[in-house]
Amino acid sequence: MKVHKFIGALMVVASLSVGAMSVNNAAAAESDYSFKVHNGTKVKITKLLVSENKKEWGYFDIGQGIAAGGDMTLVWDQSTNSEGCDQYVKAAYADGTESEEAKFNFCEANLDLEF
């Protein structure tokens, strides 16, 4: 997957590598594909799921989660560089619910995801 950056809106999209994806919460180096996630809900996001096909889902390691009203910058693992730009993303919340999945083009510059 080349140049992945994203923003969301109560639906999420990210890239799936058949398995867990490594994510770095620190500021990304320019060569890394990063995006920002904003949790606009009143519930903590506990998992950010991603898929190319909506059948097999991987996830970003978001540590303790993204607090309600919080932001986090995530970096795509280099293992996803061979994947397509279009990805589905959804969020799992502390109350056990999930957002609807949404499709995003992660090759789009300055993409931010808001839930």
PDB file of N, CA and C in Angstrom:
ATOM      1  N   MET A   1       0.859  -1.165   0.000  1.00  0.00           N
ATOM      2  CA  MET A   1       0.000   0.000   0.000  1.00  0.00           C
ATOM      3  C   MET A   1       0.894   1.213   0.000  1.00  0.00           C
ATOM      4  N   LYS A   2       0.726   2.103  -0.908  1.00  0.00           N
ATOM      5  CA  LYS A   2       1.556   3.292  -0.995  1.00  0.00           C
ATOM      6  C   LYS A   2       0.811   4.481  -0.397  1.00  0.00           C
ATOM      7  N   VAL A   3       1.532   5.372   0.226  1.00  0.00           N
ATOM      8  CA  VAL A   3       1.019   6.598   0.836  1.00  0.00           C
ATOM      9  C   VAL A   3      -0.348   6.416   1.480  1.00  0.00           C
ATOM     10  N   HIS A   4      -0.355   5.971   2.706  1.00  0.00           N
ATOM     11  CA  HIS A   4      -1.599   5.721   3.421  1.00  0.00           C
ATOM     12  C   HIS A   4      -1.768   6.763   4.504  1.00  0.00           C
ATOM     13  N   LYS A   5      -2.783   7.551   4.402  1.00  0.00           N
ATOM     14  CA  LYS A   5      -3.112   8.514   5.438  1.00  0.00           C
ATOM     15  C   LYS A   5      -4.615   8.547   5.474  1.00  0.00           C
ATOM     16  N   PHE A   6      -5.242   8.740   6.667  1.00  0.00           N
ATOM     17  CA  PHE A   6      -6.688   8.738   6.647  1.00  0.00           C
ATOM     18  C   PHE A   6      -7.374   9.396   7.809  1.00  0.00           C
ATOM     19  N   ILE A   7      -8.610   9.818   7.549  1.00  0.00           N
ATOM     20  CA  ILE A   7      -9.527  10.408   8.526  1.00  0.00           C
ATOM     21  C   ILE A   7     -10.813   9.651   8.388  1.00  0.00           C
ATOM     22  N   GLY A   8     -11.564   9.515   9.416  1.00  0.00           N
ATOM     23  CA  GLY A   8     -12.797   8.770   9.334  1.00  0.00           C
ATOM     24  C   GLY A   8     -13.955   9.547   9.876  1.00  0.00           C
ATOM     25  N   ALA A   9     -15.108   8.935   9.793  1.00  0.00           N
ATOM     26  CA  ALA A   9     -16.315   9.570  10.281  1.00  0.00           C
ATOM     27  C   ALA A   9     -17.258   8.497  10.757  1.00  0.00           C
ATOM     28  N   LEU A  10     -17.262   8.231  12.029  1.00  0.00           N
ATOM     29  CA  LEU A  10     -18.089   7.228  12.684  1.00  0.00           C
ATOM     30  C   LEU A  10     -18.065   5.891  11.975  1.00  0.00           C
ATOM     31  N   MET A  11     -17.363   5.831  10.875  1.00  0.00           N
ATOM     32  CA  MET A  11     -17.096   4.578  10.190  1.00  0.00           C
ATOM     33  C   MET A  11     -15.597   4.592   9.965  1.00  0.00           C
ATOM     34  N   VAL A  12     -14.997   3.443   9.914  1.00  0.00           N
ATOM     35  CA  VAL A  12     -13.555   3.451   9.829  1.00  0.00           C
ATOM     36  C   VAL A  12     -13.044   2.637   8.666  1.00  0.00           C
ATOM     37  N   VAL A  13     -11.874   3.028   8.134  1.00  0.00           N
ATOM     38  CA  VAL A  13     -11.241   2.248   7.086  1.00  0.00           C
ATOM     39  C   VAL A  13      -9.745   2.234   7.280  1.00  0.00           C
ATOM     40  N   ALA A  14      -9.150   1.074   7.112  1.00  0.00           N
ATOM     41  CA  ALA A  14      -7.710   0.948   7.212  1.00  0.00           C
ATOM     42  C   ALA A  14      -7.247  -0.219   6.379  1.00  0.00           C
ATOM     43  N   SER A  15      -5.978  -0.585   6.465  1.00  0.00           N
ATOM     44  CA  SER A  15      -5.462  -1.642   5.621  1.00  0.00           C
ATOM     45  C   SER A  15      -5.329  -2.942   6.364  1.00  0.00           C
ATOM     46  N   LEU A  16      -5.599  -4.039   5.689  1.00  0.00           N
ATOM     47  CA  LEU A  16      -5.520  -5.346   6.318  1.00  0.00           C
ATOM     48  C   LEU A  16      -4.341  -6.133   5.784  1.00  0.00           C
ATOM     49  N   SER A  17      -3.587  -6.595   6.690  1.00  0.00           N
ATOM     50  CA  SER A  17      -2.579  -7.582   6.396  1.00  0.00           C
ATOM     51  C   SER A  17      -3.121  -8.797   7.129  1.00  0.00           C
ATOM     52  N   VAL A  18      -3.151  -9.949   6.540  1.00  0.00           N
ATOM     53  CA  VAL A  18      -3.817 -11.086   7.162  1.00  0.00           C
ATOM     54  C   VAL A  18      -3.157 -11.375   8.508  1.00  0.00           C
ATOM     55  N   GLY A  19      -3.548 -10.644   9.488  1.00  0.00           N
ATOM     56  CA  GLY A  19      -3.011 -10.758  10.835  1.00  0.00           C
ATOM     57  C   GLY A  19      -2.952  -9.381  11.457  1.00  0.00           C
ATOM     58  N   ALA A  20      -2.306  -9.286  12.582  1.00  0.00           N
ATOM     59  CA  ALA A  20      -2.225  -8.008  13.287  1.00  0.00           C
ATOM     60  C   ALA A  20      -1.267  -7.079  12.580  1.00  0.00           C
ATOM     61  N   MET A  21      -1.556  -5.788  12.664  1.00  0.00           N
ATOM     62  CA  MET A  21      -0.702  -4.787  12.061  1.00  0.00           C
ATOM     63  C   MET A  21       0.043  -4.042  13.146  1.00  0.00           C
ATOM     64  N   SER A  22       1.270  -3.734  12.852  1.00  0.00           N
ATOM     65  CA  SER A  22       2.044  -2.960  13.801  1.00  0.00           C
ATOM     66  C   SER A  22       1.735  -1.497  13.606  1.00  0.00           C
ATOM     67  N   VAL A  23       1.603  -0.804  14.710  1.00  0.00           N
ATOM     68  CA  VAL A  23       1.301   0.612  14.655  1.00  0.00           C
ATOM     69  C   VAL A  23       2.182   1.327  15.648  1.00  0.00           C
ATOM     70  N   ASN A  24       2.612   2.498  15.275  1.00  0.00           N
ATOM     71  CA  ASN A  24       3.447   3.299  16.142  1.00  0.00           C
ATOM     72  C   ASN A  24       2.686   4.562  16.479  1.00  0.00           C
ATOM     73  N   ASN A  25       2.489   4.847  17.769  1.00  0.00           N
ATOM     74  CA  ASN A  25       1.758   6.031  18.194  1.00  0.00           C
ATOM     75  C   ASN A  25       2.613   7.287  18.130  1.00  0.00           C
ATOM     76  N   ALA A  26       3.893   7.125  17.981  1.00  0.00           N
ATOM     77  CA  ALA A  26       4.778   8.286  17.925  1.00  0.00           C
ATOM     78  C   ALA A  26       4.655   8.966  16.570  1.00  0.00           C
ATOM     79  N   ALA A  27       5.185  10.151  16.488  1.00  0.00           N
ATOM     80  CA  ALA A  27       5.153  10.880  15.216  1.00  0.00           C
ATOM     81  C   ALA A  27       5.850  10.044  14.153  1.00  0.00           C
ATOM     82  N   ALA A  28       5.267   9.986  12.992  1.00  0.00           N
ATOM     83  CA  ALA A  28       5.798   9.153  11.916  1.00  0.00           C
ATOM     84  C   ALA A  28       6.903   9.859  11.156  1.00  0.00           C
ATOM     85  N   ALA A  29       7.859   9.088  10.724  1.00  0.00           N
ATOM     86  CA  ALA A  29       8.895   9.634   9.856  1.00  0.00           C
ATOM     87  C   ALA A  29       8.261   9.911   8.510  1.00  0.00           C
ATOM     88  N   GLU A  30       8.847  10.787   7.744  1.00  0.00           N
ATOM     89  CA  GLU A  30       8.254  11.157   6.461  1.00  0.00           C
ATOM     90  C   GLU A  30       8.074   9.974   5.537  1.00  0.00           C
ATOM     91  N   SER A  31       8.934   8.961   5.639  1.00  0.00           N
ATOM     92  CA  SER A  31       8.827   7.807   4.746  1.00  0.00           C
ATOM     93  C   SER A  31       7.729   6.839   5.199  1.00  0.00           C
ATOM     94  N   ASP A  32       7.201   7.011   6.404  1.00  0.00           N
ATOM     95  CA  ASP A  32       6.138   6.152   6.914  1.00  0.00           C
ATOM     96  C   ASP A  32       4.782   6.651   6.438  1.00  0.00           C
ATOM     97  N   TYR A  33       3.852   5.730   6.293  1.00  0.00           N
ATOM     98  CA  TYR A  33       2.490   6.066   5.910  1.00  0.00           C
ATOM     99  C   TYR A  33       1.678   6.214   7.180  1.00  0.00           C
ATOM    100  N   SER A  34       1.320   7.429   7.506  1.00  0.00           N
ATOM    101  CA  SER A  34       0.620   7.665   8.762  1.00  0.00           C
ATOM    102  C   SER A  34      -0.729   8.325   8.513  1.00  0.00           C
ATOM    103  N   PHE A  35      -1.574   8.277   9.527  1.00  0.00           N
ATOM    104  CA  PHE A  35      -2.880   8.909   9.469  1.00  0.00           C
ATOM    105  C   PHE A  35      -3.296   9.224  10.893  1.00  0.00           C
ATOM    106  N   LYS A  36      -4.268  10.073  11.025  1.00  0.00           N
ATOM    107  CA  LYS A  36      -4.733  10.480  12.343  1.00  0.00           C
ATOM    108  C   LYS A  36      -6.147   9.954  12.559  1.00  0.00           C
ATOM    109  N   VAL A  37      -6.417   9.486  13.770  1.00  0.00           N
ATOM    110  CA  VAL A  37      -7.743   9.006  14.143  1.00  0.00           C
ATOM    111  C   VAL A  37      -8.253   9.904  15.267  1.00  0.00           C
ATOM    112  N   HIS A  38      -9.473  10.391  15.108  1.00  0.00           N
ATOM    113  CA  HIS A  38     -10.124  11.184  16.156  1.00  0.00           C
ATOM    114  C   HIS A  38     -11.361  10.435  16.630  1.00  0.00           C
ATOM    115  N   ASN A  39     -11.476  10.285  17.935  1.00  0.00           N
ATOM    116  CA  ASN A  39     -12.645   9.634  18.519  1.00  0.00           C
ATOM    117  C   ASN A  39     -13.620  10.724  18.952  1.00  0.00           C
ATOM    118  N   GLY A  40     -14.616  10.995  18.134  1.00  0.00           N
ATOM    119  CA  GLY A  40     -15.615  12.013  18.426  1.00  0.00           C
ATOM    120  C   GLY A  40     -16.804  11.478  19.207  1.00  0.00           C
ATOM    121  N   THR A  41     -16.720  10.222  19.655  1.00  0.00           N
ATOM    122  CA  THR A  41     -17.822   9.631  20.411  1.00  0.00           C
ATOM    123  C   THR A  41     -17.606   9.856  21.905  1.00  0.00           C
ATOM    124  N   LYS A  42     -18.542   9.348  22.698  1.00  0.00           N
ATOM    125  CA  LYS A  42     -18.445   9.434  24.156  1.00  0.00           C
ATOM    126  C   LYS A  42     -17.952   8.130  24.761  1.00  0.00           C
ATOM    127  N   VAL A  43     -17.489   7.207  23.879  1.00  0.00           N
ATOM    128  CA  VAL A  43     -17.038   5.881  24.312  1.00  0.00           C
ATOM    129  C   VAL A  43     -15.620   5.645  23.798  1.00  0.00           C
ATOM    130  N   LYS A  44     -14.778   5.053  24.611  1.00  0.00           N
ATOM    131  CA  LYS A  44     -13.399   4.747  24.252  1.00  0.00           C
ATOM    132  C   LYS A  44     -13.351   3.746  23.100  1.00  0.00           C
ATOM    133  N   ILE A  45     -12.479   3.999  22.117  1.00  0.00           N
ATOM    134  CA  ILE A  45     -12.214   3.041  21.043  1.00  0.00           C
ATOM    135  C   ILE A  45     -11.169   2.068  21.572  1.00  0.00           C
ATOM    136  N   THR A  46     -11.481   0.776  21.524  1.00  0.00           N
ATOM    137  CA  THR A  46     -10.560  -0.236  22.034  1.00  0.00           C
ATOM    138  C   THR A  46      -9.808  -0.967  20.932  1.00  0.00           C
ATOM    139  N   LYS A  47     -10.337  -0.919  19.712  1.00  0.00           N
ATOM    140  CA  LYS A  47      -9.693  -1.607  18.595  1.00  0.00           C
ATOM    141  C   LYS A  47     -10.062  -0.915  17.293  1.00  0.00           C
ATOM    142  N   LEU A  48      -9.105  -0.821  16.394  1.00  0.00           N
ATOM    143  CA  LEU A  48      -9.323  -0.276  15.063  1.00  0.00           C
ATOM    144  C   LEU A  48      -9.069  -1.405  14.077  1.00  0.00           C
ATOM    145  N   LEU A  49     -10.126  -1.848  13.375  1.00  0.00           N
ATOM    146  CA  LEU A  49     -10.075  -3.005  12.476  1.00  0.00           C
ATOM    147  C   LEU A  49      -9.987  -2.555  11.027  1.00  0.00           C
ATOM    148  N   VAL A  50      -9.314  -3.355  10.195  1.00  0.00           N
ATOM    149  CA  VAL A  50      -9.107  -2.989   8.800  1.00  0.00           C
ATOM    150  C   VAL A  50      -9.156  -4.223   7.902  1.00  0.00           C
ATOM    151  N   SER A  51      -9.691  -4.019   6.671  1.00  0.00           N
ATOM    152  CA  SER A  51      -9.818  -5.140   5.737  1.00  0.00           C
ATOM    153  C   SER A  51      -9.857  -4.639   4.298  1.00  0.00           C
ATOM    154  N   GLU A  52      -9.287  -5.423   3.402  1.00  0.00           N
ATOM    155  CA  GLU A  52      -9.407  -5.122   1.978  1.00  0.00           C
ATOM    156  C   GLU A  52     -10.710  -5.690   1.420  1.00  0.00           C
ATOM    157  N   ASN A  53     -11.210  -6.766   2.023  1.00  0.00           N
ATOM    158  CA  ASN A  53     -12.339  -7.494   1.435  1.00  0.00           C
ATOM    159  C   ASN A  53     -13.572  -7.605   2.339  1.00  0.00           C
ATOM    160  N   LYS A  54     -13.554  -7.068   3.534  1.00  0.00           N
ATOM    161  CA  LYS A  54     -14.636  -7.141   4.521  1.00  0.00           C
ATOM    162  C   LYS A  54     -14.906  -8.568   4.995  1.00  0.00           C
ATOM    163  N   LYS A  55     -13.991  -9.500   4.706  1.00  0.00           N
ATOM    164  CA  LYS A  55     -14.133 -10.883   5.162  1.00  0.00           C
ATOM    165  C   LYS A  55     -13.077 -11.214   6.212  1.00  0.00           C
ATOM    166  N   GLU A  56     -11.864 -10.795   5.949  1.00  0.00           N
ATOM    167  CA  GLU A  56     -10.759 -11.025   6.874  1.00  0.00           C
ATOM    168  C   GLU A  56     -10.339  -9.669   7.430  1.00  0.00           C
ATOM    169  N   TRP A  57     -10.313  -9.565   8.778  1.00  0.00           N
ATOM    170  CA  TRP A  57     -10.010  -8.298   9.430  1.00  0.00           C
ATOM    171  C   TRP A  57      -8.716  -8.391  10.224  1.00  0.00           C
ATOM    172  N   GLY A  58      -7.879  -7.390  10.059  1.00  0.00           N
ATOM    173  CA  GLY A  58      -6.682  -7.220  10.869  1.00  0.00           C
ATOM    174  C   GLY A  58      -6.952  -6.052  11.794  1.00  0.00           C
ATOM    175  N   TYR A  59      -5.963  -5.666  12.568  1.00  0.00           N
ATOM    176  CA  TYR A  59      -6.174  -4.545  13.470  1.00  0.00           C
ATOM    177  C   TYR A  59      -4.880  -3.785  13.711  1.00  0.00           C
ATOM    178  N   PHE A  60      -5.048  -2.549  14.126  1.00  0.00           N
ATOM    179  CA  PHE A  60      -3.934  -1.713  14.542  1.00  0.00           C
ATOM    180  C   PHE A  60      -3.794  -1.850  16.050  1.00  0.00           C
ATOM    181  N   ASP A  61      -2.585  -1.923  16.524  1.00  0.00           N
ATOM    182  CA  ASP A  61      -2.342  -1.928  17.967  1.00  0.00           C
ATOM    183  C   ASP A  61      -2.466  -0.484  18.445  1.00  0.00           C
ATOM    184  N   ILE A  62      -3.543  -0.207  19.167  1.00  0.00           N
ATOM    185  CA  ILE A  62      -3.753   1.155  19.673  1.00  0.00           C
ATOM    186  C   ILE A  62      -3.554   1.212  21.184  1.00  0.00           C
ATOM    187  N   GLY A  63      -2.771   0.278  21.699  1.00  0.00           N
ATOM    188  CA  GLY A  63      -2.427   0.277  23.115  1.00  0.00           C
ATOM    189  C   GLY A  63      -3.654   0.234  24.007  1.00  0.00           C
ATOM    190  N   GLN A  64      -3.773   1.192  24.920  1.00  0.00           N
ATOM    191  CA  GLN A  64      -4.887   1.262  25.863  1.00  0.00           C
ATOM    192  C   GLN A  64      -6.149   1.802  25.203  1.00  0.00           C
ATOM    193  N   GLY A  65      -6.079   2.155  23.921  1.00  0.00           N
ATOM    194  CA  GLY A  65      -7.245   2.652  23.198  1.00  0.00           C
ATOM    195  C   GLY A  65      -7.187   4.147  22.966  1.00  0.00           C
ATOM    196  N   ILE A  66      -8.255   4.656  22.360  1.00  0.00           N
ATOM    197  CA  ILE A  66      -8.371   6.092  22.079  1.00  0.00           C
ATOM    198  C   ILE A  66      -9.545   6.604  22.896  1.00  0.00           C
ATOM    199  N   ALA A  67      -9.255   7.440  23.862  1.00  0.00           N
ATOM    200  CA  ALA A  67     -10.280   7.964  24.761  1.00  0.00           C
ATOM    201  C   ALA A  67     -11.315   8.779  23.998  1.00  0.00           C
ATOM    202  N   ALA A  68     -12.510   8.854  24.557  1.00  0.00           N
ATOM    203  CA  ALA A  68     -13.555   9.710  23.983  1.00  0.00           C
ATOM    204  C   ALA A  68     -12.993  11.119  23.847  1.00  0.00           C
ATOM    205  N   GLY A  69     -13.128  11.700  22.651  1.00  0.00           N
ATOM    206  CA  GLY A  69     -12.600  13.038  22.391  1.00  0.00           C
ATOM    207  C   GLY A  69     -11.117  13.071  22.084  1.00  0.00           C
ATOM    208  N   GLY A  70     -10.444  11.909  22.147  1.00  0.00           N
ATOM    209  CA  GLY A  70      -8.995  11.854  21.943  1.00  0.00           C
ATOM    210  C   GLY A  70      -8.589  11.653  20.498  1.00  0.00           C
ATOM    211  N   ASP A  71      -7.315  11.860  20.241  1.00  0.00           N
ATOM    212  CA  ASP A  71      -6.707  11.692  18.914  1.00  0.00           C
ATOM    213  C   ASP A  71      -5.509  10.769  19.032  1.00  0.00           C
ATOM    214  N   MET A  72      -5.180  10.098  17.924  1.00  0.00           N
ATOM    215  CA  MET A  72      -3.993   9.262  17.877  1.00  0.00           C
ATOM    216  C   MET A  72      -3.486   9.238  16.443  1.00  0.00           C
ATOM    217  N   THR A  73      -2.167   9.330  16.293  1.00  0.00           N
ATOM    218  CA  THR A  73      -1.550   9.182  14.982  1.00  0.00           C
ATOM    219  C   THR A  73      -1.045   7.755  14.879  1.00  0.00           C
ATOM    220  N   LEU A  74      -1.409   7.093  13.781  1.00  0.00           N
ATOM    221  CA  LEU A  74      -1.029   5.704  13.562  1.00  0.00           C
ATOM    222  C   LEU A  74      -0.176   5.597  12.311  1.00  0.00           C
ATOM    223  N   VAL A  75       0.673   4.581  12.264  1.00  0.00           N
ATOM    224  CA  VAL A  75       1.574   4.367  11.138  1.00  0.00           C
ATOM    225  C   VAL A  75       1.336   2.970  10.587  1.00  0.00           C
ATOM    226  N   TRP A  76       1.192   2.884   9.260  1.00  0.00           N
ATOM    227  CA  TRP A  76       1.021   1.591   8.597  1.00  0.00           C
ATOM    228  C   TRP A  76       2.305   0.794   8.711  1.00  0.00           C
ATOM    229  N   ASP A  77       2.184  -0.496   8.940  1.00  0.00           N
ATOM    230  CA  ASP A  77       3.317  -1.390   8.936  1.00  0.00           C
ATOM    231  C   ASP A  77       3.796  -1.548   7.492  1.00  0.00           C
ATOM    232  N   GLN A  78       5.099  -1.641   7.279  1.00  0.00           N
ATOM    233  CA  GLN A  78       5.636  -1.786   5.924  1.00  0.00           C
ATOM    234  C   GLN A  78       5.144  -3.053   5.236  1.00  0.00           C
ATOM    235  N   SER A  79       4.698  -4.031   5.987  1.00  0.00           N
ATOM    236  CA  SER A  79       4.209  -5.279   5.385  1.00  0.00           C
ATOM    237  C   SER A  79       2.943  -5.053   4.573  1.00  0.00           C
ATOM    238  N   THR A  80       2.271  -3.912   4.732  1.00  0.00           N
ATOM    239  CA  THR A  80       1.048  -3.623   3.986  1.00  0.00           C
ATOM    240  C   THR A  80       1.309  -2.872   2.683  1.00  0.00           C
ATOM    241  N   ASN A  81       2.570  -2.576   2.376  1.00  0.00           N
ATOM    242  CA  ASN A  81       2.893  -1.770   1.196  1.00  0.00           C
ATOM    243  C   ASN A  81       2.442  -2.385  -0.127  1.00  0.00           C
ATOM    244  N   SER A  82       2.242  -3.690  -0.171  1.00  0.00           N
ATOM    245  CA  SER A  82       1.820  -4.332  -1.415  1.00  0.00           C
ATOM    246  C   SER A  82       0.299  -4.367  -1.561  1.00  0.00           C
ATOM    247  N   GLU A  83      -0.431  -3.880  -0.570  1.00  0.00           N
ATOM    248  CA  GLU A  83      -1.888  -3.896  -0.617  1.00  0.00           C
ATOM    249  C   GLU A  83      -2.428  -2.697  -1.375  1.00  0.00           C
ATOM    250  N   GLY A  84      -3.692  -2.784  -1.763  1.00  0.00           N
ATOM    251  CA  GLY A  84      -4.344  -1.705  -2.485  1.00  0.00           C
ATOM    252  C   GLY A  84      -4.591  -0.493  -1.600  1.00  0.00           C
ATOM    253  N   CYS A  85      -4.876   0.613  -2.233  1.00  0.00           N
ATOM    254  CA  CYS A  85      -5.137   1.860  -1.508  1.00  0.00           C
ATOM    255  C   CYS A  85      -6.503   1.858  -0.833  1.00  0.00           C
ATOM    256  N   ASP A  86      -7.480   1.209  -1.453  1.00  0.00           N
ATOM    257  CA  ASP A  86      -8.839   1.195  -0.900  1.00  0.00           C
ATOM    258  C   ASP A  86      -8.953   0.132   0.179  1.00  0.00           C
ATOM    259  N   GLN A  87      -9.345   0.555   1.381  1.00  0.00           N
ATOM    260  CA  GLN A  87      -9.450  -0.326   2.530  1.00  0.00           C
ATOM    261  C   GLN A  87     -10.720   0.006   3.320  1.00  0.00           C
ATOM    262  N   TYR A  88     -11.239  -0.997   4.005  1.00  0.00           N
ATOM    263  CA  TYR A  88     -12.382  -0.804   4.902  1.00  0.00           C
ATOM    264  C   TYR A  88     -11.856  -0.713   6.328  1.00  0.00           C
ATOM    265  N   VAL A  89     -12.477   0.147   7.132  1.00  0.00           N
ATOM    266  CA  VAL A  89     -12.067   0.329   8.513  1.00  0.00           C
ATOM    267  C   VAL A  89     -13.310   0.430   9.380  1.00  0.00           C
ATOM    268  N   LYS A  90     -13.188  -0.070  10.601  1.00  0.00           N
ATOM    269  CA  LYS A  90     -14.254   0.103  11.592  1.00  0.00           C
ATOM    270  C   LYS A  90     -13.623   0.123  12.973  1.00  0.00           C
ATOM    271  N   ALA A  91     -14.352   0.715  13.919  1.00  0.00           N
ATOM    272  CA  ALA A  91     -13.865   0.817  15.294  1.00  0.00           C
ATOM    273  C   ALA A  91     -14.676  -0.097  16.196  1.00  0.00           C
ATOM    274  N   ALA A  92     -14.011  -0.673  17.185  1.00  0.00           N
ATOM    275  CA  ALA A  92     -14.670  -1.425  18.247  1.00  0.00           C
ATOM    276  C   ALA A  92     -14.570  -0.563  19.501  1.00  0.00           C
ATOM    277  N   TYR A  93     -15.673  -0.488  20.244  1.00  0.00           N
ATOM    278  CA  TYR A  93     -15.760   0.398  21.402  1.00  0.00           C
ATOM    279  C   TYR A  93     -15.782  -0.383  22.716  1.00  0.00           C
ATOM    280  N   ALA A  94     -15.453   0.307  23.809  1.00  0.00           N
ATOM    281  CA  ALA A  94     -15.409  -0.286  25.145  1.00  0.00           C
ATOM    282  C   ALA A  94     -16.752  -0.853  25.584  1.00  0.00           C
ATOM    283  N   ASP A  95     -17.847  -0.348  25.020  1.00  0.00           N
ATOM    284  CA  ASP A  95     -19.174  -0.853  25.410  1.00  0.00           C
ATOM    285  C   ASP A  95     -19.592  -2.090  24.608  1.00  0.00           C
ATOM    286  N   GLY A  96     -18.673  -2.620  23.780  1.00  0.00           N
ATOM    287  CA  GLY A  96     -18.957  -3.832  23.018  1.00  0.00           C
ATOM    288  C   GLY A  96     -19.547  -3.606  21.639  1.00  0.00           C
ATOM    289  N   THR A  97     -19.831  -2.365  21.268  1.00  0.00           N
ATOM    290  CA  THR A  97     -20.385  -2.075  19.946  1.00  0.00           C
ATOM    291  C   THR A  97     -19.268  -1.829  18.934  1.00  0.00           C
ATOM    292  N   GLU A  98     -19.637  -1.843  17.663  1.00  0.00           N
ATOM    293  CA  GLU A  98     -18.707  -1.530  16.576  1.00  0.00           C
ATOM    294  C   GLU A  98     -19.348  -0.499  15.665  1.00  0.00           C
ATOM    295  N   SER A  99     -18.519   0.322  15.055  1.00  0.00           N
ATOM    296  CA  SER A  99     -19.015   1.266  14.056  1.00  0.00           C
ATOM    297  C   SER A  99     -19.311   0.513  12.764  1.00  0.00           C
ATOM    298  N   GLU A 100     -20.015   1.146  11.863  1.00  0.00           N
ATOM    299  CA  GLU A 100     -20.181   0.605  10.514  1.00  0.00           C
ATOM    300  C   GLU A 100     -18.810   0.687   9.838  1.00  0.00           C
ATOM    301  N   GLU A 101     -18.524  -0.251   8.938  1.00  0.00           N
ATOM    302  CA  GLU A 101     -17.270  -0.132   8.194  1.00  0.00           C
ATOM    303  C   GLU A 101     -17.442   0.912   7.104  1.00  0.00           C
ATOM    304  N   ALA A 102     -16.350   1.577   6.798  1.00  0.00           N
ATOM    305  CA  ALA A 102     -16.343   2.579   5.736  1.00  0.00           C
ATOM    306  C   ALA A 102     -15.110   2.356   4.867  1.00  0.00           C
ATOM    307  N   LYS A 103     -15.245   2.653   3.590  1.00  0.00           N
ATOM    308  CA  LYS A 103     -14.147   2.448   2.645  1.00  0.00           C
ATOM    309  C   LYS A 103     -13.406   3.762   2.446  1.00  0.00           C
ATOM    310  N   PHE A 104     -12.078   3.700   2.533  1.00  0.00           N
ATOM    311  CA  PHE A 104     -11.244   4.876   2.351  1.00  0.00           C
ATOM    312  C   PHE A 104     -10.132   4.585   1.365  1.00  0.00           C
ATOM    313  N   ASN A 105      -9.668   5.627   0.703  1.00  0.00           N
ATOM    314  CA  ASN A 105      -8.512   5.541  -0.178  1.00  0.00           C
ATOM    315  C   ASN A 105      -7.328   6.067   0.618  1.00  0.00           C
ATOM    316  N   PHE A 106      -6.482   5.175   1.084  1.00  0.00           N
ATOM    317  CA  PHE A 106      -5.369   5.554   1.931  1.00  0.00           C
ATOM    318  C   PHE A 106      -4.206   6.151   1.165  1.00  0.00           C
ATOM    319  N   CYS A 107      -4.291   6.194  -0.150  1.00  0.00           N
ATOM    320  CA  CYS A 107      -3.268   6.856  -0.942  1.00  0.00           C
ATOM    321  C   CYS A 107      -3.534   8.359  -1.016  1.00  0.00           C
ATOM    322  N   GLU A 108      -4.688   8.764  -0.560  1.00  0.00           N
ATOM    323  CA  GLU A 108      -5.074  10.170  -0.536  1.00  0.00           C
ATOM    324  C   GLU A 108      -4.244  10.888   0.528  1.00  0.00           C
ATOM    325  N   ALA A 109      -3.680  12.021   0.169  1.00  0.00           N
ATOM    326  CA  ALA A 109      -2.832  12.774   1.099  1.00  0.00           C
ATOM    327  C   ALA A 109      -3.681  13.372   2.229  1.00  0.00           C
ATOM    328  N   ASN A 110      -3.083  13.455   3.408  1.00  0.00           N
ATOM    329  CA  ASN A 110      -3.668  14.099   4.579  1.00  0.00           C
ATOM    330  C   ASN A 110      -5.035  13.544   4.969  1.00  0.00           C
ATOM    331  N   LEU A 111      -5.178  12.258   4.896  1.00  0.00           N
ATOM    332  CA  LEU A 111      -6.449  11.624   5.253  1.00  0.00           C
ATOM    333  C   LEU A 111      -6.538  11.487   6.756  1.00  0.00           C
ATOM    334  N   ASP A 112      -7.632  11.923   7.339  1.00  0.00           N
ATOM    335  CA  ASP A 112      -7.891  11.804   8.779  1.00  0.00           C
ATOM    336  C   ASP A 112      -9.151  10.984   8.945  1.00  0.00           C
ATOM    337  N   LEU A 113      -9.211  10.230  10.013  1.00  0.00           N
ATOM    338  CA  LEU A 113     -10.358   9.378  10.280  1.00  0.00           C
ATOM    339  C   LEU A 113     -11.025   9.837  11.566  1.00  0.00           C
ATOM    340  N   GLU A 114     -12.318  10.043  11.510  1.00  0.00           N
ATOM    341  CA  GLU A 114     -13.049  10.459  12.702  1.00  0.00           C
ATOM    342  C   GLU A 114     -14.201   9.517  12.946  1.00  0.00           C
ATOM    343  N   PHE A 115     -14.309   9.034  14.187  1.00  0.00           N
ATOM    344  CA  PHE A 115     -15.390   8.143  14.588  1.00  0.00           C
ATOM    345  C   PHE A 115     -16.340   8.885  15.474  1.00  0.00           C
TER     346      PHE A 115
END
